[in-house]
Every structure is written in structure tokens, then in C-alpha cells.
Amino acid sequence: MHVLMVMAGGLALLGLFVLFGWLWGASAAGMALAAKVFVPVWLLVAGVNMWVGVTYAGYSARAEFPILLLVFAVPAFVAGIAVWQLARS
């Protein structure tokens, strides 16, 4: 359940990034740039989530790494689709 909540938070953060890209750039290019900027920020957030799982929840890094990949990959994939769609328009 925690994994789904973190991924939903990532998708919400992506939406926020794209919204601010639209507000600041007022174009599809601004929104695409915001989605591109989201990916490294999300990698940092997913890494912090893994660190918390290892440090405080007592999981091993080996057990948390596949979760990190899943938590990072889903919102990053959606961001990639957003960049692709926004670059086309």
C-alpha cells in the first residue's frame, strides 16, 4: 500500500511540475521542460524513500532496491510520455 501511495504522490508531483511549467512558460515547451526537470527530482525523492526504508523501517538495501526501481519507474515513464506528447504539439 505504501508503494502505491508513493507512486501516486509522484504522479501528483509530476502534475504539479507540469502545471507550473504551463504557468511559467505558457506553452507546451514549458510543460515539457518541467516534465524533464521532474525526473531527476523524482529520482532524489525515491532515493530518500529508499533511505528511510533502510534506515528506519529496518529493510535491507537489497530488499528495498526493487521497490526503488518500481517507485521511480512508473512516474518517470509517465513523465516520458508527457514529454513525448507535449513535444509533438
N, C-alpha and C. Protein backbone atom coordinates (compact mmCIF):
# COMPACT_ATOMS: atom_id res chain seq x y z
N MET A 1 0.82 -1.19 0.00
CA MET A 1 0.00 0.00 0.00
C MET A 1 0.86 1.26 0.00
N HIS A 2 1.96 1.22 0.74
CA HIS A 2 2.86 2.37 0.80
C HIS A 2 3.45 2.66 -0.58
N VAL A 3 3.79 1.62 -1.32
CA VAL A 3 4.36 1.79 -2.65
C VAL A 3 3.37 2.51 -3.56
N LEU A 4 2.11 2.12 -3.51
CA LEU A 4 1.10 2.78 -4.33
C LEU A 4 0.90 4.24 -3.93
N MET A 5 0.96 4.50 -2.65
CA MET A 5 0.81 5.88 -2.20
C MET A 5 1.99 6.74 -2.64
N VAL A 6 3.20 6.19 -2.60
CA VAL A 6 4.37 6.95 -3.04
C VAL A 6 4.30 7.20 -4.54
N MET A 7 3.90 6.18 -5.31
CA MET A 7 3.77 6.38 -6.76
C MET A 7 2.68 7.40 -7.08
N ALA A 8 1.57 7.36 -6.35
CA ALA A 8 0.51 8.36 -6.55
C ALA A 8 1.02 9.75 -6.20
N GLY A 9 1.84 9.84 -5.16
CA GLY A 9 2.45 11.12 -4.82
C GLY A 9 3.38 11.60 -5.92
N GLY A 10 4.09 10.68 -6.54
CA GLY A 10 4.96 11.03 -7.66
C GLY A 10 4.18 11.54 -8.85
N LEU A 11 3.07 10.91 -9.13
CA LEU A 11 2.22 11.37 -10.23
C LEU A 11 1.61 12.73 -9.93
N ALA A 12 1.25 12.95 -8.67
CA ALA A 12 0.73 14.26 -8.27
C ALA A 12 1.82 15.33 -8.39
N LEU A 13 3.04 14.98 -8.00
CA LEU A 13 4.15 15.91 -8.12
C LEU A 13 4.44 16.21 -9.60
N LEU A 14 4.35 15.21 -10.44
CA LEU A 14 4.51 15.43 -11.88
C LEU A 14 3.45 16.41 -12.38
N GLY A 15 2.22 16.21 -11.97
CA GLY A 15 1.15 17.13 -12.36
C GLY A 15 1.43 18.55 -11.89
N LEU A 16 1.98 18.68 -10.70
CA LEU A 16 2.32 19.99 -10.17
C LEU A 16 3.45 20.63 -10.99
N PHE A 17 4.45 19.83 -11.34
CA PHE A 17 5.55 20.34 -12.16
C PHE A 17 5.02 20.82 -13.52
N VAL A 18 4.17 20.02 -14.15
CA VAL A 18 3.64 20.38 -15.46
C VAL A 18 2.76 21.63 -15.35
N LEU A 19 1.99 21.72 -14.28
CA LEU A 19 1.17 22.91 -14.07
C LEU A 19 2.04 24.16 -13.95
N PHE A 20 3.10 24.08 -13.15
CA PHE A 20 3.99 25.23 -13.02
C PHE A 20 4.72 25.52 -14.33
N GLY A 21 5.04 24.47 -15.09
CA GLY A 21 5.64 24.68 -16.40
C GLY A 21 4.71 25.43 -17.32
N TRP A 22 3.43 25.14 -17.23
CA TRP A 22 2.44 25.85 -18.04
C TRP A 22 2.29 27.29 -17.55
N LEU A 23 2.28 27.48 -16.23
CA LEU A 23 2.12 28.83 -15.69
C LEU A 23 3.31 29.72 -16.02
N TRP A 24 4.52 29.15 -15.96
CA TRP A 24 5.70 29.95 -16.22
C TRP A 24 6.01 30.06 -17.70
N GLY A 25 5.78 29.00 -18.45
CA GLY A 25 6.12 29.02 -19.86
C GLY A 25 4.95 29.31 -20.77
N ALA A 26 3.75 29.03 -20.30
CA ALA A 26 2.52 29.22 -21.07
C ALA A 26 2.59 28.56 -22.44
N SER A 27 3.30 27.44 -22.53
CA SER A 27 3.38 26.72 -23.80
C SER A 27 3.64 25.25 -23.52
N ALA A 28 3.51 24.45 -24.57
CA ALA A 28 3.81 23.03 -24.44
C ALA A 28 5.29 22.80 -24.16
N ALA A 29 6.14 23.67 -24.69
CA ALA A 29 7.58 23.53 -24.46
C ALA A 29 7.92 23.73 -22.98
N GLY A 30 7.24 24.67 -22.35
CA GLY A 30 7.47 24.90 -20.92
C GLY A 30 7.01 23.72 -20.08
N MET A 31 5.89 23.14 -20.48
CA MET A 31 5.39 21.97 -19.75
C MET A 31 6.29 20.77 -19.98
N ALA A 32 6.82 20.60 -21.19
CA ALA A 32 7.74 19.50 -21.48
C ALA A 32 9.03 19.66 -20.69
N LEU A 33 9.53 20.88 -20.61
CA LEU A 33 10.74 21.12 -19.82
C LEU A 33 10.50 20.81 -18.35
N ALA A 34 9.35 21.18 -17.84
CA ALA A 34 9.02 20.89 -16.43
C ALA A 34 8.95 19.39 -16.19
N ALA A 35 8.42 18.63 -17.15
CA ALA A 35 8.36 17.18 -17.01
C ALA A 35 9.76 16.58 -17.05
N LYS A 36 10.65 17.17 -17.84
CA LYS A 36 12.04 16.70 -17.89
C LYS A 36 12.76 16.99 -16.57
N VAL A 37 12.49 18.14 -15.99
CA VAL A 37 13.12 18.51 -14.72
C VAL A 37 12.59 17.62 -13.59
N PHE A 38 11.35 17.17 -13.73
CA PHE A 38 10.75 16.32 -12.72
C PHE A 38 11.53 15.02 -12.50
N VAL A 39 12.07 14.44 -13.57
CA VAL A 39 12.69 13.11 -13.48
C VAL A 39 13.85 13.07 -12.48
N PRO A 40 14.85 13.95 -12.55
CA PRO A 40 15.91 13.88 -11.52
C PRO A 40 15.42 14.22 -10.11
N VAL A 41 14.45 15.12 -10.03
CA VAL A 41 13.89 15.44 -8.71
C VAL A 41 13.20 14.21 -8.14
N TRP A 42 12.47 13.49 -8.98
CA TRP A 42 11.77 12.29 -8.51
C TRP A 42 12.76 11.20 -8.14
N LEU A 43 13.87 11.09 -8.86
CA LEU A 43 14.90 10.12 -8.50
C LEU A 43 15.44 10.41 -7.11
N LEU A 44 15.65 11.68 -6.80
CA LEU A 44 16.11 12.07 -5.46
C LEU A 44 15.07 11.72 -4.40
N VAL A 45 13.81 12.00 -4.68
CA VAL A 45 12.74 11.70 -3.72
C VAL A 45 12.60 10.19 -3.52
N ALA A 46 12.68 9.42 -4.60
CA ALA A 46 12.60 7.96 -4.49
C ALA A 46 13.80 7.41 -3.72
N GLY A 47 14.96 8.02 -3.92
CA GLY A 47 16.14 7.61 -3.15
C GLY A 47 15.99 7.89 -1.67
N VAL A 48 15.40 9.02 -1.34
CA VAL A 48 15.14 9.34 0.07
C VAL A 48 14.14 8.35 0.65
N ASN A 49 13.15 7.97 -0.14
CA ASN A 49 12.18 6.97 0.32
C ASN A 49 12.89 5.64 0.61
N MET A 50 13.83 5.27 -0.25
CA MET A 50 14.58 4.03 -0.01
C MET A 50 15.44 4.17 1.25
N TRP A 51 16.08 5.32 1.40
CA TRP A 51 16.92 5.54 2.58
C TRP A 51 16.10 5.42 3.87
N VAL A 52 14.90 5.99 3.86
CA VAL A 52 14.04 5.89 5.03
C VAL A 52 13.67 4.44 5.29
N GLY A 53 13.36 3.68 4.23
CA GLY A 53 13.03 2.28 4.40
C GLY A 53 14.17 1.47 4.97
N VAL A 54 15.39 1.78 4.55
CA VAL A 54 16.55 1.04 5.05
C VAL A 54 16.91 1.49 6.46
N THR A 55 16.89 2.79 6.69
CA THR A 55 17.36 3.33 7.97
C THR A 55 16.35 3.14 9.10
N TYR A 56 15.11 3.48 8.84
CA TYR A 56 14.13 3.49 9.92
C TYR A 56 13.20 2.28 9.94
N ALA A 57 12.87 1.73 8.78
CA ALA A 57 11.94 0.61 8.76
C ALA A 57 12.66 -0.72 8.92
N GLY A 58 13.98 -0.73 8.79
CA GLY A 58 14.74 -1.93 9.04
C GLY A 58 14.88 -2.88 7.85
N TYR A 59 14.48 -2.44 6.66
CA TYR A 59 14.65 -3.28 5.48
C TYR A 59 16.10 -3.22 5.01
N SER A 60 16.54 -4.25 4.32
CA SER A 60 17.89 -4.22 3.76
C SER A 60 17.87 -3.45 2.45
N ALA A 61 19.04 -2.94 2.06
CA ALA A 61 19.13 -2.22 0.80
C ALA A 61 18.82 -3.16 -0.36
N ARG A 62 19.18 -4.40 -0.22
CA ARG A 62 18.89 -5.40 -1.26
C ARG A 62 17.38 -5.60 -1.43
N ALA A 63 16.64 -5.55 -0.34
CA ALA A 63 15.19 -5.71 -0.40
C ALA A 63 14.51 -4.44 -0.90
N GLU A 64 15.09 -3.29 -0.62
CA GLU A 64 14.47 -2.02 -0.99
C GLU A 64 14.78 -1.60 -2.42
N PHE A 65 15.86 -2.11 -3.02
CA PHE A 65 16.25 -1.66 -4.35
C PHE A 65 15.18 -1.93 -5.42
N PRO A 66 14.57 -3.13 -5.46
CA PRO A 66 13.50 -3.32 -6.46
C PRO A 66 12.30 -2.38 -6.24
N ILE A 67 12.04 -2.05 -4.99
CA ILE A 67 10.97 -1.11 -4.68
C ILE A 67 11.34 0.28 -5.21
N LEU A 68 12.62 0.66 -5.03
CA LEU A 68 13.10 1.93 -5.56
C LEU A 68 12.90 1.99 -7.07
N LEU A 69 13.25 0.91 -7.75
CA LEU A 69 13.08 0.89 -9.20
C LEU A 69 11.62 1.05 -9.61
N LEU A 70 10.74 0.36 -8.93
CA LEU A 70 9.31 0.46 -9.24
C LEU A 70 8.76 1.84 -8.93
N VAL A 71 9.10 2.35 -7.76
CA VAL A 71 8.60 3.66 -7.34
C VAL A 71 9.11 4.76 -8.27
N PHE A 72 10.34 4.63 -8.73
CA PHE A 72 10.88 5.64 -9.64
C PHE A 72 10.34 5.47 -11.06
N ALA A 73 10.26 4.22 -11.53
CA ALA A 73 9.98 3.97 -12.94
C ALA A 73 8.58 4.40 -13.37
N VAL A 74 7.58 4.17 -12.57
CA VAL A 74 6.21 4.46 -13.00
C VAL A 74 6.00 5.96 -13.25
N PRO A 75 6.29 6.85 -12.28
CA PRO A 75 6.12 8.28 -12.58
C PRO A 75 7.09 8.79 -13.65
N ALA A 76 8.31 8.23 -13.70
CA ALA A 76 9.27 8.65 -14.73
C ALA A 76 8.78 8.25 -16.12
N PHE A 77 8.17 7.08 -16.23
CA PHE A 77 7.61 6.63 -17.50
C PHE A 77 6.47 7.54 -17.93
N VAL A 78 5.61 7.90 -17.01
CA VAL A 78 4.51 8.82 -17.32
C VAL A 78 5.07 10.19 -17.72
N ALA A 79 6.14 10.62 -17.06
CA ALA A 79 6.78 11.89 -17.43
C ALA A 79 7.34 11.81 -18.85
N GLY A 80 7.93 10.67 -19.19
CA GLY A 80 8.45 10.49 -20.54
C GLY A 80 7.35 10.55 -21.58
N ILE A 81 6.22 9.95 -21.29
CA ILE A 81 5.08 10.02 -22.20
C ILE A 81 4.59 11.46 -22.32
N ALA A 82 4.56 12.18 -21.20
CA ALA A 82 4.13 13.58 -21.22
C ALA A 82 5.07 14.42 -22.08
N VAL A 83 6.39 14.20 -21.93
CA VAL A 83 7.35 14.96 -22.74
C VAL A 83 7.15 14.64 -24.21
N TRP A 84 6.95 13.38 -24.53
CA TRP A 84 6.76 12.97 -25.91
C TRP A 84 5.50 13.61 -26.49
N GLN A 85 4.41 13.58 -25.76
CA GLN A 85 3.16 14.15 -26.24
C GLN A 85 3.24 15.68 -26.36
N LEU A 86 3.88 16.30 -25.38
CA LEU A 86 3.97 17.76 -25.40
C LEU A 86 4.93 18.24 -26.48
N ALA A 87 5.94 17.45 -26.79
CA ALA A 87 6.89 17.85 -27.84
C ALA A 87 6.23 17.76 -29.21
N ARG A 88 5.24 16.92 -29.34
CA ARG A 88 4.54 16.77 -30.62
C ARG A 88 3.61 17.94 -30.90
N SER A 89 3.18 18.63 -29.85
CA SER A 89 2.21 19.70 -30.08
C SER A 89 2.85 21.05 -30.22
